[in-house]
Amino acid sequence: MTLAQNLTIDQFWLIPLIIWSLIWKGIALWKCGRNNQLYWFIALLLLNTVGLLEIVYLIWFQKEKK
């Protein structure tokens, strides 16, 4: 059985939510890893906020390019 066969119609909204979260988490982890921001990297890796903390980091807290 596939994942889609095991989900009921009420649970099907989880798939887009997981994809949304993984995209933002990947972008934010890449940026803070490249900017050597270890504390942000650990926080983003451990906390699951459905992309909200990742978006806040990308908008306000990542290092500016020189």
Protein backbone atom coordinates (compact mmCIF):
# COMPACT_ATOMS: atom_id res chain seq x y z
CA MET A 1 0.00 0.00 0.00
CA THR A 2 1.16 3.50 -0.73
CA LEU A 3 0.99 6.49 1.59
CA ALA A 4 -1.96 7.96 -0.30
CA GLN A 5 -3.93 4.74 0.13
CA ASN A 6 -3.40 4.76 3.91
CA LEU A 7 -4.53 8.37 4.40
CA THR A 8 -8.17 9.21 4.84
CA ILE A 9 -9.59 12.28 3.16
CA ASP A 10 -9.38 14.15 6.48
CA GLN A 11 -5.62 13.52 6.70
CA PHE A 12 -4.78 14.33 3.08
CA TRP A 13 -4.03 18.01 3.87
CA LEU A 14 -0.85 16.85 5.65
CA ILE A 15 1.02 16.17 2.41
CA PRO A 16 1.08 19.81 1.16
CA LEU A 17 1.89 20.97 4.70
CA ILE A 18 4.88 18.64 4.92
CA ILE A 19 6.13 19.71 1.48
CA TRP A 20 5.72 23.42 2.43
CA SER A 21 7.66 22.89 5.66
CA LEU A 22 10.49 20.92 4.04
CA ILE A 23 11.03 23.53 1.33
CA TRP A 24 11.33 26.43 3.79
CA LYS A 25 13.43 24.36 6.22
CA GLY A 26 15.84 23.38 3.45
CA ILE A 27 16.31 26.95 2.23
CA ALA A 28 16.79 28.35 5.75
CA LEU A 29 19.22 25.60 6.80
CA TRP A 30 21.24 26.15 3.63
CA LYS A 31 21.46 29.92 4.23
CA CYS A 32 22.43 29.74 7.92
CA GLY A 33 24.91 26.96 7.18
CA ARG A 34 26.58 29.08 4.50
CA ASN A 35 26.61 32.09 6.86
CA ASN A 36 28.18 30.11 9.75
CA GLN A 37 25.24 30.81 12.08
CA LEU A 38 25.44 27.66 14.20
CA TYR A 39 22.80 28.63 16.77
CA TRP A 40 20.23 29.38 14.08
CA PHE A 41 21.11 26.13 12.30
CA ILE A 42 20.51 24.07 15.45
CA ALA A 43 17.27 25.91 16.29
CA LEU A 44 15.87 25.50 12.78
CA LEU A 45 16.90 21.86 12.66
CA LEU A 46 15.27 20.94 15.99
CA LEU A 47 12.13 23.09 16.00
CA ASN A 48 9.28 22.27 13.66
CA THR A 49 7.21 25.42 13.15
CA VAL A 50 5.69 24.58 9.74
CA GLY A 51 7.97 27.06 8.02
CA LEU A 52 7.18 30.09 10.19
CA LEU A 53 10.50 30.31 12.05
CA GLU A 54 12.34 29.63 8.81
CA ILE A 55 10.58 32.52 7.05
CA VAL A 56 11.30 34.84 10.01
CA TYR A 57 14.98 33.88 9.84
CA LEU A 58 15.19 34.43 6.09
CA ILE A 59 13.52 37.85 6.25
CA TRP A 60 15.09 39.40 9.35
CA PHE A 61 18.03 37.45 10.79
CA GLN A 62 20.26 36.12 8.05
CA LYS A 63 23.55 37.92 7.53
CA GLU A 64 23.66 40.59 4.88
CA LYS A 65 25.93 40.06 1.89
CA LYS A 66 28.83 42.48 1.65
